[in-house]
């Protein structure tokens, strides 16, 4: 199946009251592990490249590898998304490089400047058949060069969301309702909370409009324990409970962004192989268990986000 935009994905997700998993990849082996999960389930999925991964992999290769993967995994309907495009220029570069979706993340700018930058990307991308996501509010934590100090006080204002969507012409909106980037989302002893009241108000004011949650890793504790058992040091890493993410999907969130969980799952298996097989040096031996863990994790998450629909239909 060829690459698609997220337009039809989001339409079906809203009708079925389910969400679509959006997963970061940092190399092409991880990309294949994600798409293998979607192919196994015959499910829609969004694969994402952050600004850091963009530089690491070289954008010259990314779309070409995706086109090849589309042949390898014919049952996977997928979009290629630039995650956290911090400038108009990198968004335009991603459009020209064959991405089918981009985010212009100008949320750190004053409101009117955010609108101006977003409109410029929308005009450029739409003229070339590419969809655009943008962001309002502050998503706490750290991912690449995203840094926010206030974890709880910068939620998306529903009226501002309506104005922003109307004035920019974006196709989807990332909202801040309590998620956070990275593995260390919350202080030890703090109970993760999503502001479903804000989500409900935004959905009521923008009925059917695609909403997105960034920083939605749950940090599975079994994967975290594996990292630490074999020499890692990731204490008190706390994420968003999967039950909350599934509830968000039922309430109108169409896209759930996950990156940290895949990295933790891979790292735990890599450390285990290195500890149990110190003689190993072939990359196939070292990497395969981690890639298999990513596929299993992505399958589990896709099933959870699709729970209210019951099954994936593409």
C-alpha atoms as a PDB file:
ATOM      1  CA  UNK A   1       0.000   0.000   0.000  1.00  0.00           C
ATOM      2  CA  UNK A   2       1.473   3.403  -0.938  1.00  0.00           C
ATOM      3  CA  UNK A   3       2.040   6.133   1.616  1.00  0.00           C
ATOM      4  CA  UNK A   4      -1.007   8.239   2.438  1.00  0.00           C
ATOM      5  CA  UNK A   5      -1.827  11.445   4.258  1.00  0.00           C
ATOM      6  CA  UNK A   6      -3.658  11.295   7.574  1.00  0.00           C
ATOM      7  CA  UNK A   7      -6.902  12.811   6.241  1.00  0.00           C
ATOM      8  CA  UNK A   8      -8.827   9.604   5.641  1.00  0.00           C
ATOM      9  CA  UNK A   9      -7.253   7.941   8.682  1.00  0.00           C
ATOM     10  CA  UNK A  10      -8.559  10.691  10.941  1.00  0.00           C
ATOM     11  CA  UNK A  11     -12.029  10.653   9.383  1.00  0.00           C
ATOM     12  CA  UNK A  12     -12.444   6.942  10.081  1.00  0.00           C
ATOM     13  CA  UNK A  13     -10.938   7.288  13.556  1.00  0.00           C
ATOM     14  CA  UNK A  14     -13.466   9.958  14.527  1.00  0.00           C
ATOM     15  CA  UNK A  15     -16.373   7.908  13.207  1.00  0.00           C
ATOM     16  CA  UNK A  16     -15.154   4.815  15.058  1.00  0.00           C
ATOM     17  CA  UNK A  17     -14.128   6.706  18.210  1.00  0.00           C
ATOM     18  CA  UNK A  18     -10.636   5.240  18.163  1.00  0.00           C
ATOM     19  CA  UNK A  19      -7.101   6.594  17.887  1.00  0.00           C
ATOM     20  CA  UNK A  20      -4.153   5.990  15.570  1.00  0.00           C
ATOM     21  CA  UNK A  21      -0.728   5.230  16.954  1.00  0.00           C
ATOM     22  CA  UNK A  22       2.073   7.545  15.808  1.00  0.00           C
ATOM     23  CA  UNK A  23       5.531   6.162  16.534  1.00  0.00           C
ATOM     24  CA  UNK A  24       8.967   7.767  16.300  1.00  0.00           C
ATOM     25  CA  UNK A  25      11.777   5.941  14.561  1.00  0.00           C
ATOM     26  CA  UNK A  26      15.476   6.799  14.654  1.00  0.00           C
ATOM     27  CA  UNK A  27      16.707   4.337  12.054  1.00  0.00           C
ATOM     28  CA  UNK A  28      15.274   2.153   9.317  1.00  0.00           C
ATOM     29  CA  UNK A  29      15.345  -1.067  11.336  1.00  0.00           C
ATOM     30  CA  UNK A  30      13.020   0.529  13.879  1.00  0.00           C
ATOM     31  CA  UNK A  31      10.804   1.811  11.061  1.00  0.00           C
ATOM     32  CA  UNK A  32      10.430  -1.752   9.757  1.00  0.00           C
ATOM     33  CA  UNK A  33       9.695  -3.049  13.262  1.00  0.00           C
ATOM     34  CA  UNK A  34       6.844  -0.529  13.592  1.00  0.00           C
ATOM     35  CA  UNK A  35       5.418  -1.275  10.162  1.00  0.00           C
ATOM     36  CA  UNK A  36       5.640  -5.009  10.785  1.00  0.00           C
ATOM     37  CA  UNK A  37       3.250  -4.542  13.708  1.00  0.00           C
ATOM     38  CA  UNK A  38       0.808  -2.543  11.585  1.00  0.00           C
ATOM     39  CA  UNK A  39       1.051  -5.114   8.800  1.00  0.00           C
ATOM     40  CA  UNK A  40       0.373  -7.989  11.209  1.00  0.00           C
ATOM     41  CA  UNK A  41      -2.777  -6.231  12.429  1.00  0.00           C
ATOM     42  CA  UNK A  42      -3.806  -4.766   9.052  1.00  0.00           C
ATOM     43  CA  UNK A  43      -3.919  -1.446  10.895  1.00  0.00           C
ATOM     44  CA  UNK A  44      -3.325   2.216  10.084  1.00  0.00           C
ATOM     45  CA  UNK A  45      -0.240   3.773  11.624  1.00  0.00           C
ATOM     46  CA  UNK A  46       1.774   6.992  11.462  1.00  0.00           C
ATOM     47  CA  UNK A  47       5.565   6.783  11.465  1.00  0.00           C
ATOM     48  CA  UNK A  48       7.378   9.897  12.660  1.00  0.00           C
ATOM     49  CA  UNK A  49      10.808  11.445  12.197  1.00  0.00           C
ATOM     50  CA  UNK A  50      11.900  14.064  14.730  1.00  0.00           C
ATOM     51  CA  UNK A  51      14.270  16.889  13.848  1.00  0.00           C
ATOM     52  CA  UNK A  52      17.126  14.987  15.495  1.00  0.00           C
ATOM     53  CA  UNK A  53      16.342  11.756  13.647  1.00  0.00           C
ATOM     54  CA  UNK A  54      16.036  13.769  10.419  1.00  0.00           C
ATOM     55  CA  UNK A  55      19.691  14.752  10.743  1.00  0.00           C
ATOM     56  CA  UNK A  56      20.794  11.320  11.969  1.00  0.00           C
ATOM     57  CA  UNK A  57      19.275   9.359   9.071  1.00  0.00           C
ATOM     58  CA  UNK A  58      19.662  11.956   6.289  1.00  0.00           C
ATOM     59  CA  UNK A  59      16.359  12.900   4.614  1.00  0.00           C
ATOM     60  CA  UNK A  60      17.645  11.783   1.211  1.00  0.00           C
ATOM     61  CA  UNK A  61      17.021   8.194   2.291  1.00  0.00           C
ATOM     62  CA  UNK A  62      13.817   8.427   4.316  1.00  0.00           C
ATOM     63  CA  UNK A  63      11.102   8.541   1.661  1.00  0.00           C
ATOM     64  CA  UNK A  64      12.910   5.988  -0.515  1.00  0.00           C
ATOM     65  CA  UNK A  65      13.041   3.506   2.363  1.00  0.00           C
ATOM     66  CA  UNK A  66       9.352   4.128   3.089  1.00  0.00           C
ATOM     67  CA  UNK A  67       8.414   3.341  -0.507  1.00  0.00           C
ATOM     68  CA  UNK A  68      10.325   0.073  -0.262  1.00  0.00           C
ATOM     69  CA  UNK A  69       8.697  -0.717   3.087  1.00  0.00           C
ATOM     70  CA  UNK A  70       5.265  -0.171   1.544  1.00  0.00           C
ATOM     71  CA  UNK A  71       6.004  -3.137  -0.721  1.00  0.00           C
ATOM     72  CA  UNK A  72       7.328  -5.246   2.158  1.00  0.00           C
ATOM     73  CA  UNK A  73       4.296  -4.528   4.349  1.00  0.00           C
ATOM     74  CA  UNK A  74       1.307  -4.301   1.962  1.00  0.00           C
ATOM     75  CA  UNK A  75      -1.273  -4.562   4.761  1.00  0.00           C
ATOM     76  CA  UNK A  76       0.020  -1.502   6.617  1.00  0.00           C
ATOM     77  CA  UNK A  77      -1.639   1.788   5.771  1.00  0.00           C
ATOM     78  CA  UNK A  78       0.825   4.444   6.888  1.00  0.00           C
ATOM     79  CA  UNK A  79       1.712   8.119   6.735  1.00  0.00           C
ATOM     80  CA  UNK A  80       5.203   9.615   7.043  1.00  0.00           C
ATOM     81  CA  UNK A  81       5.195  12.545   9.466  1.00  0.00           C
ATOM     82  CA  UNK A  82       7.813  15.144  10.396  1.00  0.00           C
ATOM     83  CA  UNK A  83       7.626  15.421  14.189  1.00  0.00           C
ATOM     84  CA  UNK A  84       8.406  18.741  15.897  1.00  0.00           C
ATOM     85  CA  UNK A  85       9.318  20.786  12.879  1.00  0.00           C
ATOM     86  CA  UNK A  86      10.590  23.857  14.691  1.00  0.00           C
ATOM     87  CA  UNK A  87      10.979  26.107  11.666  1.00  0.00           C
ATOM     88  CA  UNK A  88       9.084  26.865   8.486  1.00  0.00           C
ATOM     89  CA  UNK A  89      12.178  25.894   6.524  1.00  0.00           C
ATOM     90  CA  UNK A  90      12.488  22.336   7.837  1.00  0.00           C
ATOM     91  CA  UNK A  91       8.773  21.766   7.238  1.00  0.00           C
ATOM     92  CA  UNK A  92       9.148  22.861   3.628  1.00  0.00           C
ATOM     93  CA  UNK A  93      12.205  20.606   3.274  1.00  0.00           C
ATOM     94  CA  UNK A  94      10.201  17.652   4.601  1.00  0.00           C
ATOM     95  CA  UNK A  95       7.388  18.351   2.138  1.00  0.00           C
ATOM     96  CA  UNK A  96       9.909  18.456  -0.690  1.00  0.00           C
ATOM     97  CA  UNK A  97      11.534  15.241   0.619  1.00  0.00           C
ATOM     98  CA  UNK A  98       8.268  13.321   0.231  1.00  0.00           C
ATOM     99  CA  UNK A  99       6.785  13.399   3.723  1.00  0.00           C
ATOM    100  CA  UNK A 100       2.992  13.146   3.629  1.00  0.00           C
ATOM    101  CA  UNK A 101       2.447  15.033   6.892  1.00  0.00           C
ATOM    102  CA  UNK A 102       4.376  17.664   8.858  1.00  0.00           C
ATOM    103  CA  UNK A 103       3.994  19.569  12.095  1.00  0.00           C
ATOM    104  CA  UNK A 104       5.056  23.159  12.404  1.00  0.00           C
ATOM    105  CA  UNK A 105       5.723  23.464  16.123  1.00  0.00           C
ATOM    106  CA  UNK A 106       5.863  27.209  16.716  1.00  0.00           C
ATOM    107  CA  UNK A 107       4.039  26.975  20.041  1.00  0.00           C
ATOM    108  CA  UNK A 108       6.943  28.644  21.873  1.00  0.00           C
ATOM    109  CA  UNK A 109       6.405  31.803  19.813  1.00  0.00           C
ATOM    110  CA  UNK A 110       3.869  34.522  20.638  1.00  0.00           C
ATOM    111  CA  UNK A 111       0.397  33.549  19.473  1.00  0.00           C
ATOM    112  CA  UNK A 112       0.257  35.764  16.371  1.00  0.00           C
ATOM    113  CA  UNK A 113       3.729  34.654  15.273  1.00  0.00           C
ATOM    114  CA  UNK A 114       2.661  31.041  15.696  1.00  0.00           C
ATOM    115  CA  UNK A 115      -0.307  31.727  13.420  1.00  0.00           C
ATOM    116  CA  UNK A 116       1.880  33.431  10.819  1.00  0.00           C
ATOM    117  CA  UNK A 117       4.416  30.602  10.703  1.00  0.00           C
ATOM    118  CA  UNK A 118       1.707  27.954  10.633  1.00  0.00           C
ATOM    119  CA  UNK A 119      -0.182  29.632   7.783  1.00  0.00           C
ATOM    120  CA  UNK A 120       2.989  29.771   5.704  1.00  0.00           C
ATOM    121  CA  UNK A 121       3.568  26.041   6.151  1.00  0.00           C
ATOM    122  CA  UNK A 122      -0.096  25.246   5.447  1.00  0.00           C
ATOM    123  CA  UNK A 123      -0.065  27.181   2.187  1.00  0.00           C
ATOM    124  CA  UNK A 124       3.148  25.496   1.042  1.00  0.00           C
ATOM    125  CA  UNK A 125       2.162  21.980   2.106  1.00  0.00           C
ATOM    126  CA  UNK A 126      -1.440  22.032   0.893  1.00  0.00           C
ATOM    127  CA  UNK A 127      -0.336  23.166  -2.544  1.00  0.00           C
ATOM    128  CA  UNK A 128       1.697  19.950  -2.702  1.00  0.00           C
ATOM    129  CA  UNK A 129      -0.875  17.564  -1.231  1.00  0.00           C
ATOM    130  CA  UNK A 130       0.654  17.357   2.247  1.00  0.00           C
ATOM    131  CA  UNK A 131      -1.266  17.788   5.514  1.00  0.00           C
ATOM    132  CA  UNK A 132      -0.202  19.965   8.426  1.00  0.00           C
ATOM    133  CA  UNK A 133      -0.386  19.580  12.200  1.00  0.00           C
ATOM    134  CA  UNK A 134       0.332  22.377  14.662  1.00  0.00           C
ATOM    135  CA  UNK A 135       0.497  22.772  18.419  1.00  0.00           C
ATOM    136  CA  UNK A 136      -1.079  24.981  21.081  1.00  0.00           C
ATOM    137  CA  UNK A 137      -0.131  24.988  24.747  1.00  0.00           C
ATOM    138  CA  UNK A 138       3.053  23.652  26.318  1.00  0.00           C
ATOM    139  CA  UNK A 139       3.830  19.945  26.290  1.00  0.00           C
ATOM    140  CA  UNK A 140       6.119  19.445  29.252  1.00  0.00           C
ATOM    141  CA  UNK A 141       9.423  17.617  29.274  1.00  0.00           C
ATOM    142  CA  UNK A 142      12.216  17.131  26.785  1.00  0.00           C
ATOM    143  CA  UNK A 143      12.325  15.605  23.314  1.00  0.00           C
ATOM    144  CA  UNK A 144      15.138  16.712  21.025  1.00  0.00           C
ATOM    145  CA  UNK A 145      15.190  20.487  21.567  1.00  0.00           C
ATOM    146  CA  UNK A 146      11.762  20.816  23.209  1.00  0.00           C
ATOM    147  CA  UNK A 147      12.112  22.180  26.755  1.00  0.00           C
ATOM    148  CA  UNK A 148       9.295  23.360  29.008  1.00  0.00           C
ATOM    149  CA  UNK A 149       9.674  24.083  32.699  1.00  0.00           C
ATOM    150  CA  UNK A 150       6.035  24.388  33.754  1.00  0.00           C
ATOM    151  CA  UNK A 151       4.584  20.880  33.664  1.00  0.00           C
ATOM    152  CA  UNK A 152       1.025  21.646  34.641  1.00  0.00           C
ATOM    153  CA  UNK A 153       0.125  25.273  33.990  1.00  0.00           C
ATOM    154  CA  UNK A 154       0.089  25.689  30.210  1.00  0.00           C
ATOM    155  CA  UNK A 155      -2.949  23.791  28.953  1.00  0.00           C
ATOM    156  CA  UNK A 156      -4.562  24.561  25.606  1.00  0.00           C
ATOM    157  CA  UNK A 157      -7.372  27.117  25.848  1.00  0.00           C
ATOM    158  CA  UNK A 158     -10.454  25.839  23.959  1.00  0.00           C
ATOM    159  CA  UNK A 159     -11.451  29.228  22.523  1.00  0.00           C
ATOM    160  CA  UNK A 160      -7.900  29.828  21.351  1.00  0.00           C
ATOM    161  CA  UNK A 161      -7.922  26.399  19.696  1.00  0.00           C
ATOM    162  CA  UNK A 162     -11.017  27.348  17.680  1.00  0.00           C
ATOM    163  CA  UNK A 163      -9.492  30.642  16.588  1.00  0.00           C
ATOM    164  CA  UNK A 164      -6.187  29.006  15.698  1.00  0.00           C
ATOM    165  CA  UNK A 165      -7.765  26.306  13.550  1.00  0.00           C
ATOM    166  CA  UNK A 166      -9.943  28.778  11.674  1.00  0.00           C
ATOM    167  CA  UNK A 167      -7.143  31.243  10.989  1.00  0.00           C
ATOM    168  CA  UNK A 168      -4.442  28.778   9.973  1.00  0.00           C
ATOM    169  CA  UNK A 169      -6.286  26.096   8.009  1.00  0.00           C
ATOM    170  CA  UNK A 170      -4.379  23.270   9.704  1.00  0.00           C
ATOM    171  CA  UNK A 171      -5.500  19.654   9.377  1.00  0.00           C
ATOM    172  CA  UNK A 172      -4.885  18.539  12.979  1.00  0.00           C
ATOM    173  CA  UNK A 173      -4.045  20.152  16.318  1.00  0.00           C
ATOM    174  CA  UNK A 174      -1.793  18.921  19.115  1.00  0.00           C
ATOM    175  CA  UNK A 175      -3.277  19.986  22.442  1.00  0.00           C
ATOM    176  CA  UNK A 176      -1.784  20.213  25.925  1.00  0.00           C
ATOM    177  CA  UNK A 177      -3.937  18.476  28.542  1.00  0.00           C
ATOM    178  CA  UNK A 178      -1.283  16.958  30.817  1.00  0.00           C
ATOM    179  CA  UNK A 179       1.004  14.777  28.723  1.00  0.00           C
ATOM    180  CA  UNK A 180       4.772  15.268  28.817  1.00  0.00           C
ATOM    181  CA  UNK A 181       7.749  14.384  26.651  1.00  0.00           C
ATOM    182  CA  UNK A 182      10.453  11.932  27.605  1.00  0.00           C
ATOM    183  CA  UNK A 183      10.660   9.124  30.153  1.00  0.00           C
ATOM    184  CA  UNK A 184      10.645  11.328  33.268  1.00  0.00           C
ATOM    185  CA  UNK A 185       7.207  12.882  32.860  1.00  0.00           C
ATOM    186  CA  UNK A 186       6.204  13.138  36.498  1.00  0.00           C
ATOM    187  CA  UNK A 187       7.866  13.352  39.894  1.00  0.00           C
ATOM    188  CA  UNK A 188       7.929  10.158  41.998  1.00  0.00           C
ATOM    189  CA  UNK A 189       4.683   9.838  43.906  1.00  0.00           C
ATOM    190  CA  UNK A 190       2.805  12.102  41.495  1.00  0.00           C
ATOM    191  CA  UNK A 191      -0.301  10.623  39.911  1.00  0.00           C
ATOM    192  CA  UNK A 192      -0.466  11.233  36.146  1.00  0.00           C
ATOM    193  CA  UNK A 193      -3.613  13.123  35.212  1.00  0.00           C
ATOM    194  CA  UNK A 194      -5.085  14.142  31.891  1.00  0.00           C
ATOM    195  CA  UNK A 195      -7.491  17.072  31.796  1.00  0.00           C
ATOM    196  CA  UNK A 196     -10.398  15.356  30.133  1.00  0.00           C
ATOM    197  CA  UNK A 197     -12.577  18.357  30.950  1.00  0.00           C
ATOM    198  CA  UNK A 198     -10.427  20.515  28.668  1.00  0.00           C
ATOM    199  CA  UNK A 199     -10.390  17.804  25.995  1.00  0.00           C
ATOM    200  CA  UNK A 200     -14.192  17.564  26.103  1.00  0.00           C
ATOM    201  CA  UNK A 201     -14.564  21.320  25.737  1.00  0.00           C
ATOM    202  CA  UNK A 202     -12.187  21.464  22.777  1.00  0.00           C
ATOM    203  CA  UNK A 203     -13.967  18.546  21.105  1.00  0.00           C
ATOM    204  CA  UNK A 204     -17.323  20.253  21.655  1.00  0.00           C
ATOM    205  CA  UNK A 205     -16.067  23.465  20.053  1.00  0.00           C
ATOM    206  CA  UNK A 206     -14.272  21.650  17.206  1.00  0.00           C
ATOM    207  CA  UNK A 207     -16.481  18.596  16.619  1.00  0.00           C
ATOM    208  CA  UNK A 208     -14.778  16.022  14.442  1.00  0.00           C
ATOM    209  CA  UNK A 209     -11.560  17.985  14.095  1.00  0.00           C
ATOM    210  CA  UNK A 210      -8.467  15.752  14.469  1.00  0.00           C
ATOM    211  CA  UNK A 211      -6.808  16.235  17.861  1.00  0.00           C
ATOM    212  CA  UNK A 212      -3.373  14.932  18.822  1.00  0.00           C
ATOM    213  CA  UNK A 213      -1.610  14.035  22.074  1.00  0.00           C
ATOM    214  CA  UNK A 214       2.164  14.468  22.135  1.00  0.00           C
ATOM    215  CA  UNK A 215       4.348  12.956  24.844  1.00  0.00           C
ATOM    216  CA  UNK A 216       2.035   9.974  25.321  1.00  0.00           C
ATOM    217  CA  UNK A 217       4.483   7.213  26.228  1.00  0.00           C
ATOM    218  CA  UNK A 218       3.365   5.089  29.167  1.00  0.00           C
ATOM    219  CA  UNK A 219       6.893   3.873  30.074  1.00  0.00           C
ATOM    220  CA  UNK A 220       6.043   0.169  30.646  1.00  0.00           C
ATOM    221  CA  UNK A 221       7.559  -0.818  33.944  1.00  0.00           C
ATOM    222  CA  UNK A 222       8.572  -4.297  32.809  1.00  0.00           C
ATOM    223  CA  UNK A 223      10.698  -2.813  30.034  1.00  0.00           C
ATOM    224  CA  UNK A 224      12.135  -0.255  32.441  1.00  0.00           C
ATOM    225  CA  UNK A 225      12.976  -3.006  34.941  1.00  0.00           C
ATOM    226  CA  UNK A 226      14.833  -4.905  32.215  1.00  0.00           C
ATOM    227  CA  UNK A 227      16.964  -1.864  31.439  1.00  0.00           C
ATOM    228  CA  UNK A 228      17.914  -1.456  35.090  1.00  0.00           C
ATOM    229  CA  UNK A 229      18.436  -5.176  35.705  1.00  0.00           C
ATOM    230  CA  UNK A 230      21.160  -5.273  33.101  1.00  0.00           C
ATOM    231  CA  UNK A 231      23.126  -2.199  34.090  1.00  0.00           C
ATOM    232  CA  UNK A 232      20.853   0.706  33.207  1.00  0.00           C
ATOM    233  CA  UNK A 233      19.987   3.605  35.472  1.00  0.00           C
ATOM    234  CA  UNK A 234      16.453   4.837  34.785  1.00  0.00           C
ATOM    235  CA  UNK A 235      14.841   5.283  38.196  1.00  0.00           C
ATOM    236  CA  UNK A 236      11.331   6.656  38.685  1.00  0.00           C
ATOM    237  CA  UNK A 237      10.432   6.959  35.017  1.00  0.00           C
ATOM    238  CA  UNK A 238       6.667   7.406  34.960  1.00  0.00           C
ATOM    239  CA  UNK A 239       4.370   7.710  31.945  1.00  0.00           C
ATOM    240  CA  UNK A 240       0.721   8.138  31.010  1.00  0.00           C
ATOM    241  CA  UNK A 241      -1.377   5.048  31.861  1.00  0.00           C
ATOM    242  CA  UNK A 242      -2.648   3.266  28.775  1.00  0.00           C
ATOM    243  CA  UNK A 243      -6.187   3.375  30.178  1.00  0.00           C
ATOM    244  CA  UNK A 244      -6.081   7.196  30.069  1.00  0.00           C
ATOM    245  CA  UNK A 245      -4.823   7.186  26.495  1.00  0.00           C
ATOM    246  CA  UNK A 246      -7.584   4.797  25.454  1.00  0.00           C
ATOM    247  CA  UNK A 247     -10.138   7.057  27.131  1.00  0.00           C
ATOM    248  CA  UNK A 248      -8.715  10.056  25.284  1.00  0.00           C
ATOM    249  CA  UNK A 249      -9.221   8.214  21.985  1.00  0.00           C
ATOM    250  CA  UNK A 250     -12.874   7.638  22.827  1.00  0.00           C
ATOM    251  CA  UNK A 251     -13.242  11.365  23.588  1.00  0.00           C
ATOM    252  CA  UNK A 252     -11.968  12.591  20.239  1.00  0.00           C
ATOM    253  CA  UNK A 253      -8.157  12.262  20.161  1.00  0.00           C
ATOM    254  CA  UNK A 254      -7.238  10.785  16.789  1.00  0.00           C
ATOM    255  CA  UNK A 255      -3.443  10.491  17.094  1.00  0.00           C
ATOM    256  CA  UNK A 256      -1.290   9.306  19.991  1.00  0.00           C
ATOM    257  CA  UNK A 257       2.443  10.121  19.759  1.00  0.00           C
ATOM    258  CA  UNK A 258       4.864   7.588  21.250  1.00  0.00           C
ATOM    259  CA  UNK A 259       8.658   7.578  21.146  1.00  0.00           C
ATOM    260  CA  UNK A 260      10.204   6.897  24.542  1.00  0.00           C
ATOM    261  CA  UNK A 261       8.514   3.516  25.034  1.00  0.00           C
ATOM    262  CA  UNK A 262      10.083   2.104  21.874  1.00  0.00           C
ATOM    263  CA  UNK A 263      13.536   3.256  22.936  1.00  0.00           C
ATOM    264  CA  UNK A 264      13.163   1.761  26.419  1.00  0.00           C
ATOM    265  CA  UNK A 265      11.885  -1.557  25.019  1.00  0.00           C
ATOM    266  CA  UNK A 266      14.801  -1.798  22.586  1.00  0.00           C
ATOM    267  CA  UNK A 267      17.422  -0.768  25.141  1.00  0.00           C
ATOM    268  CA  UNK A 268      16.273  -3.339  27.688  1.00  0.00           C
ATOM    269  CA  UNK A 269      16.626  -6.180  25.208  1.00  0.00           C
ATOM    270  CA  UNK A 270      19.970  -4.898  23.934  1.00  0.00           C
ATOM    271  CA  UNK A 271      21.394  -4.755  27.447  1.00  0.00           C
ATOM    272  CA  UNK A 272      20.074  -8.243  28.174  1.00  0.00           C
ATOM    273  CA  UNK A 273      21.720  -9.738  25.093  1.00  0.00           C
ATOM    274  CA  UNK A 274      25.013  -8.016  25.849  1.00  0.00           C
ATOM    275  CA  UNK A 275      24.975  -9.248  29.445  1.00  0.00           C
ATOM    276  CA  UNK A 276      23.980 -12.826  28.655  1.00  0.00           C
ATOM    277  CA  UNK A 277      26.113 -13.139  25.531  1.00  0.00           C
ATOM    278  CA  UNK A 278      29.268 -11.071  26.073  1.00  0.00           C
ATOM    279  CA  UNK A 279      30.857 -12.909  23.159  1.00  0.00           C
ATOM    280  CA  UNK A 280      28.258 -11.535  20.724  1.00  0.00           C
ATOM    281  CA  UNK A 281      29.365  -8.904  18.254  1.00  0.00           C
ATOM    282  CA  UNK A 282      27.173  -9.373  15.185  1.00  0.00           C
ATOM    283  CA  UNK A 283      24.554  -6.658  14.890  1.00  0.00           C
ATOM    284  CA  UNK A 284      21.885  -9.189  13.939  1.00  0.00           C
ATOM    285  CA  UNK A 285      22.390 -10.968  17.234  1.00  0.00           C
ATOM    286  CA  UNK A 286      22.500  -7.759  19.243  1.00  0.00           C
ATOM    287  CA  UNK A 287      19.601  -5.913  17.613  1.00  0.00           C
ATOM    288  CA  UNK A 288      17.002  -8.566  16.730  1.00  0.00           C
ATOM    289  CA  UNK A 289      15.521  -9.045  20.230  1.00  0.00           C
ATOM    290  CA  UNK A 290      15.111  -5.283  20.624  1.00  0.00           C
ATOM    291  CA  UNK A 291      13.390  -4.936  17.266  1.00  0.00           C
ATOM    292  CA  UNK A 292      11.079  -7.820  18.106  1.00  0.00           C
ATOM    293  CA  UNK A 293      10.234  -6.088  21.392  1.00  0.00           C
ATOM    294  CA  UNK A 294       9.329  -2.910  19.490  1.00  0.00           C
ATOM    295  CA  UNK A 295       6.998  -4.834  17.172  1.00  0.00           C
ATOM    296  CA  UNK A 296       5.262  -6.501  20.119  1.00  0.00           C
ATOM    297  CA  UNK A 297       4.922  -3.187  21.963  1.00  0.00           C
ATOM    298  CA  UNK A 298       3.517  -1.359  18.937  1.00  0.00           C
ATOM    299  CA  UNK A 299       1.008  -4.159  18.349  1.00  0.00           C
ATOM    300  CA  UNK A 300      -0.160  -3.873  21.944  1.00  0.00           C
ATOM    301  CA  UNK A 301      -0.575  -0.111  21.707  1.00  0.00           C
ATOM    302  CA  UNK A 302      -2.389  -0.223  18.374  1.00  0.00           C
ATOM    303  CA  UNK A 303      -4.855  -2.729  19.808  1.00  0.00           C
ATOM    304  CA  UNK A 304      -5.429  -0.457  22.805  1.00  0.00           C
ATOM    305  CA  UNK A 305      -6.036   2.696  20.771  1.00  0.00           C
ATOM    306  CA  UNK A 306      -8.432   0.792  18.501  1.00  0.00           C
ATOM    307  CA  UNK A 307     -10.227  -0.770  21.442  1.00  0.00           C
ATOM    308  CA  UNK A 308     -13.491   1.141  21.094  1.00  0.00           C
ATOM    309  CA  UNK A 309     -13.629   0.196  17.410  1.00  0.00           C
ATOM    310  CA  UNK A 310     -12.854  -3.397  18.221  1.00  0.00           C
ATOM    311  CA  UNK A 311     -10.696  -4.003  15.158  1.00  0.00           C
ATOM    312  CA  UNK A 312      -8.675  -2.160  12.554  1.00  0.00           C
ATOM    313  CA  UNK A 313     -10.372  -1.672   9.207  1.00  0.00           C
ATOM    314  CA  UNK A 314      -8.372  -0.176   6.333  1.00  0.00           C
END
